[in-house]
Amino acid sequence: MTTIVGQTNRHPWLRLGFVAVGWIAAAAAASITQEESTMKLTSVAWMEGQPIPVKFTCDGADVSPLLTWSDAPAGTRSFALICDDPDAPAGTWVHWVIYGLPATATALAEGIATAETLPDGAKQGVNDFRRIGYGGPCPPPGAPHRYYFKLYALDATPALKSRATKVELLRAMAGHILAEARLMGTYQRAR
């Protein structure tokens, strides 16, 4: 027999309450998943899963790509974006952290300045190159790496100064993510 928070099964209605809470949590998760499937993140530079052009890498101009998004959920107060490479030899490598993008935004222009604060009030964090702003793909020679651009629609604006890390941003976004959209591109350097 199951014991719930020190109570015995002589209170079966307690189990029903926990089951109902589980259903509510599952319904909430399903609604977030539905929102995730509607928000889209794209780039004119490459299609999902395709190679990222050299221009946006350390082998080229190393400028940030044009990114556009649509179908953000109602209640969005700001956006944040993280780009990282889970295939890096030392573990996931962070290439870009940007947050506080206005709710009215639908794109990030190509070649975003490496300023701590942008004209629209958005802030940029520190990447794993220990620089502000975007640092393009720069893997060691070998197999292609995957680069995930993850856009988050938030119900608040993170209360962070510029220069935040990915970990600090994730902590500030906890409980505020309404939807997420992803765009993945690959990059491989010659041997």
Protein backbone atom coordinates (compact mmCIF):
# COMPACT_ATOMS: atom_id res chain seq x y z
CA MET A 1 0.00 0.00 0.00
CA THR A 2 1.14 3.53 -0.79
CA THR A 3 1.80 6.11 1.91
CA ILE A 4 1.42 9.77 0.94
CA VAL A 5 3.18 12.38 3.07
CA GLY A 6 2.93 10.27 6.18
CA GLN A 7 -0.74 9.41 5.65
CA THR A 8 -2.00 5.88 5.27
CA ASN A 9 -4.50 4.67 2.71
CA ARG A 10 -7.36 5.42 5.04
CA HIS A 11 -7.62 8.72 3.12
CA PRO A 12 -8.00 7.55 -0.50
CA TRP A 13 -9.16 11.04 -1.54
CA LEU A 14 -5.56 12.24 -0.98
CA ARG A 15 -4.39 9.94 -3.74
CA LEU A 16 -7.12 11.30 -6.00
CA GLY A 17 -5.89 14.83 -5.27
CA PHE A 18 -2.34 13.91 -6.26
CA VAL A 19 -3.60 12.22 -9.42
CA ALA A 20 -5.57 15.38 -10.31
CA VAL A 21 -2.48 17.52 -9.75
CA GLY A 22 -0.56 15.19 -12.06
CA TRP A 23 -3.22 15.59 -14.77
CA ILE A 24 -3.12 19.38 -14.42
CA ALA A 25 0.69 19.38 -14.69
CA ALA A 26 0.51 17.15 -17.77
CA ALA A 27 -2.08 19.47 -19.35
CA ALA A 28 0.13 22.50 -18.66
CA ALA A 29 3.13 20.73 -20.21
CA ALA A 30 1.00 19.80 -23.23
CA SER A 31 -0.02 23.42 -23.72
CA ILE A 32 3.64 24.53 -23.62
CA THR A 33 4.51 21.82 -26.14
CA GLN A 34 1.70 23.09 -28.35
CA GLU A 35 3.15 26.63 -28.13
CA GLU A 36 6.64 25.29 -28.92
CA SER A 37 5.36 23.67 -32.07
CA THR A 38 3.82 26.90 -33.36
CA MET A 39 6.69 29.37 -32.83
CA LYS A 40 9.21 29.16 -35.66
CA LEU A 41 12.83 30.31 -35.97
CA THR A 42 14.42 30.51 -39.43
CA SER A 43 17.35 31.98 -41.32
CA VAL A 44 17.71 32.86 -45.00
CA ALA A 45 21.34 31.71 -44.74
CA TRP A 46 20.61 27.98 -44.26
CA MET A 47 17.77 25.52 -43.79
CA GLU A 48 17.27 23.36 -40.71
CA GLY A 49 20.06 20.78 -40.43
CA GLN A 50 22.07 22.22 -43.35
CA PRO A 51 25.63 23.66 -43.28
CA ILE A 52 26.08 27.18 -41.93
CA PRO A 53 27.79 29.39 -44.56
CA VAL A 54 31.48 30.21 -43.91
CA LYS A 55 30.59 33.93 -43.61
CA PHE A 56 29.06 33.25 -40.17
CA THR A 57 32.05 31.28 -38.83
CA CYS A 58 35.58 31.98 -37.59
CA ASP A 59 36.81 31.03 -41.06
CA GLY A 60 34.84 33.92 -42.57
CA ALA A 61 33.64 37.33 -41.37
CA ASP A 62 32.37 35.77 -38.10
CA VAL A 63 29.19 37.87 -38.15
CA SER A 64 25.88 36.80 -36.65
CA PRO A 65 23.29 35.53 -39.15
CA LEU A 66 19.93 37.09 -39.89
CA LEU A 67 17.37 35.19 -37.81
CA THR A 68 13.61 35.66 -38.06
CA TRP A 69 10.77 34.27 -35.99
CA SER A 70 7.00 34.11 -36.02
CA ASP A 71 4.00 32.84 -34.09
CA ALA A 72 5.14 33.87 -30.61
CA PRO A 73 2.51 33.06 -27.99
CA ALA A 74 0.19 35.62 -26.43
CA GLY A 75 1.65 37.09 -23.26
CA THR A 76 5.22 37.27 -24.60
CA ARG A 77 7.04 40.14 -22.85
CA SER A 78 10.54 39.52 -24.24
CA PHE A 79 12.73 37.08 -26.14
CA ALA A 80 16.09 35.52 -25.38
CA LEU A 81 18.39 33.53 -27.63
CA ILE A 82 21.17 31.07 -26.88
CA CYS A 83 23.41 29.46 -29.49
CA ASP A 84 25.58 26.53 -28.51
CA ASP A 85 27.49 23.54 -29.84
CA PRO A 86 26.88 20.26 -27.97
CA ASP A 87 29.58 18.49 -30.01
CA ALA A 88 32.55 20.51 -28.73
CA PRO A 89 35.40 18.37 -27.33
CA ALA A 90 35.26 20.03 -23.89
CA GLY A 91 31.46 19.79 -23.64
CA THR A 92 28.73 22.16 -24.83
CA TRP A 93 30.33 25.38 -26.10
CA VAL A 94 28.30 28.60 -25.90
CA HIS A 95 28.49 30.85 -28.97
CA TRP A 96 25.88 33.53 -28.21
CA VAL A 97 23.75 34.74 -25.30
CA ILE A 98 21.31 37.61 -25.95
CA TYR A 99 18.25 38.56 -23.88
CA GLY A 100 15.78 41.32 -23.21
CA LEU A 101 14.80 41.44 -26.88
CA PRO A 102 11.51 43.38 -27.07
CA ALA A 103 8.23 41.48 -27.44
CA THR A 104 7.64 43.38 -30.70
CA ALA A 105 10.83 41.98 -32.27
CA THR A 106 10.52 39.42 -35.05
CA ALA A 107 14.15 39.28 -36.19
CA LEU A 108 17.80 39.73 -35.33
CA ALA A 109 19.65 41.50 -38.13
CA GLU A 110 22.79 40.09 -39.68
CA GLY A 111 25.96 41.37 -38.07
CA ILE A 112 24.68 42.36 -34.62
CA ALA A 113 27.26 44.60 -32.93
CA THR A 114 29.28 43.08 -30.10
CA ALA A 115 28.01 45.79 -27.74
CA GLU A 116 26.86 44.89 -24.22
CA THR A 117 23.55 46.72 -24.74
CA LEU A 118 21.86 47.17 -28.11
CA PRO A 119 19.81 50.23 -29.21
CA ASP A 120 16.52 48.38 -28.54
CA GLY A 121 17.60 47.67 -24.93
CA ALA A 122 18.55 44.03 -25.48
CA LYS A 123 21.62 42.85 -23.61
CA GLN A 124 24.32 40.45 -24.68
CA GLY A 125 26.06 37.95 -22.49
CA VAL A 126 29.49 36.39 -22.49
CA ASN A 127 30.12 33.43 -24.77
CA ASP A 128 32.65 30.66 -24.15
CA PHE A 129 35.26 32.58 -26.15
CA ARG A 130 35.00 35.01 -23.17
CA ARG A 131 33.70 37.74 -25.45
CA ILE A 132 30.47 39.72 -25.63
CA GLY A 133 28.04 38.85 -28.40
CA TYR A 134 28.23 36.34 -31.21
CA GLY A 135 31.18 34.02 -31.78
CA GLY A 136 30.64 31.85 -34.83
CA PRO A 137 31.29 28.16 -35.33
CA CYS A 138 35.00 27.33 -35.01
CA PRO A 139 35.27 23.58 -34.40
CA PRO A 140 38.50 21.61 -34.59
CA PRO A 141 39.05 19.80 -37.91
CA GLY A 142 37.07 16.60 -38.16
CA ALA A 143 33.44 15.60 -38.07
CA PRO A 144 30.79 18.32 -38.47
CA HIS A 145 29.44 19.97 -35.33
CA ARG A 146 25.81 20.91 -34.72
CA TYR A 147 24.95 24.50 -33.73
CA TYR A 148 21.60 25.09 -32.04
CA PHE A 149 20.06 28.55 -32.09
CA LYS A 150 17.35 28.43 -29.39
CA LEU A 151 14.84 31.27 -29.16
CA TYR A 152 12.75 31.61 -26.00
CA ALA A 153 9.49 33.58 -25.68
CA LEU A 154 9.27 34.79 -22.08
CA ASP A 155 6.47 36.19 -19.93
CA ALA A 156 8.95 38.63 -18.33
CA THR A 157 12.20 40.38 -19.11
CA PRO A 158 15.16 38.77 -17.31
CA ALA A 159 16.46 41.05 -14.54
CA LEU A 160 20.07 40.65 -15.61
CA LYS A 161 22.78 43.14 -16.42
CA SER A 162 24.74 42.65 -19.61
CA ARG A 163 27.58 40.08 -19.64
CA ALA A 164 25.44 37.27 -18.16
CA THR A 165 26.43 33.69 -18.89
CA LYS A 166 24.19 31.01 -20.38
CA VAL A 167 23.78 29.47 -16.91
CA GLU A 168 22.74 32.80 -15.38
CA LEU A 169 20.25 33.40 -18.18
CA LEU A 170 18.75 29.93 -17.87
CA ARG A 171 18.35 30.49 -14.14
CA ALA A 172 16.64 33.87 -14.72
CA MET A 173 14.29 32.35 -17.34
CA ALA A 174 13.17 29.45 -15.14
CA GLY A 175 9.39 29.51 -14.81
CA HIS A 176 9.03 32.25 -17.45
CA ILE A 177 9.40 30.32 -20.73
CA LEU A 178 6.19 30.39 -22.77
CA ALA A 179 7.61 28.76 -25.90
CA GLU A 180 10.86 27.72 -27.53
CA ALA A 181 11.87 27.47 -31.18
CA ARG A 182 15.10 25.97 -32.51
CA LEU A 183 17.15 26.20 -35.64
CA MET A 184 20.10 23.83 -36.10
CA GLY A 185 22.92 24.22 -38.58
CA THR A 186 26.16 22.31 -39.02
CA TYR A 187 29.73 23.32 -39.68
CA GLN A 188 32.84 21.30 -40.49
CA ARG A 189 36.38 22.54 -40.91
CA ALA A 190 38.79 20.91 -43.34
CA ARG A 191 41.27 18.49 -41.85
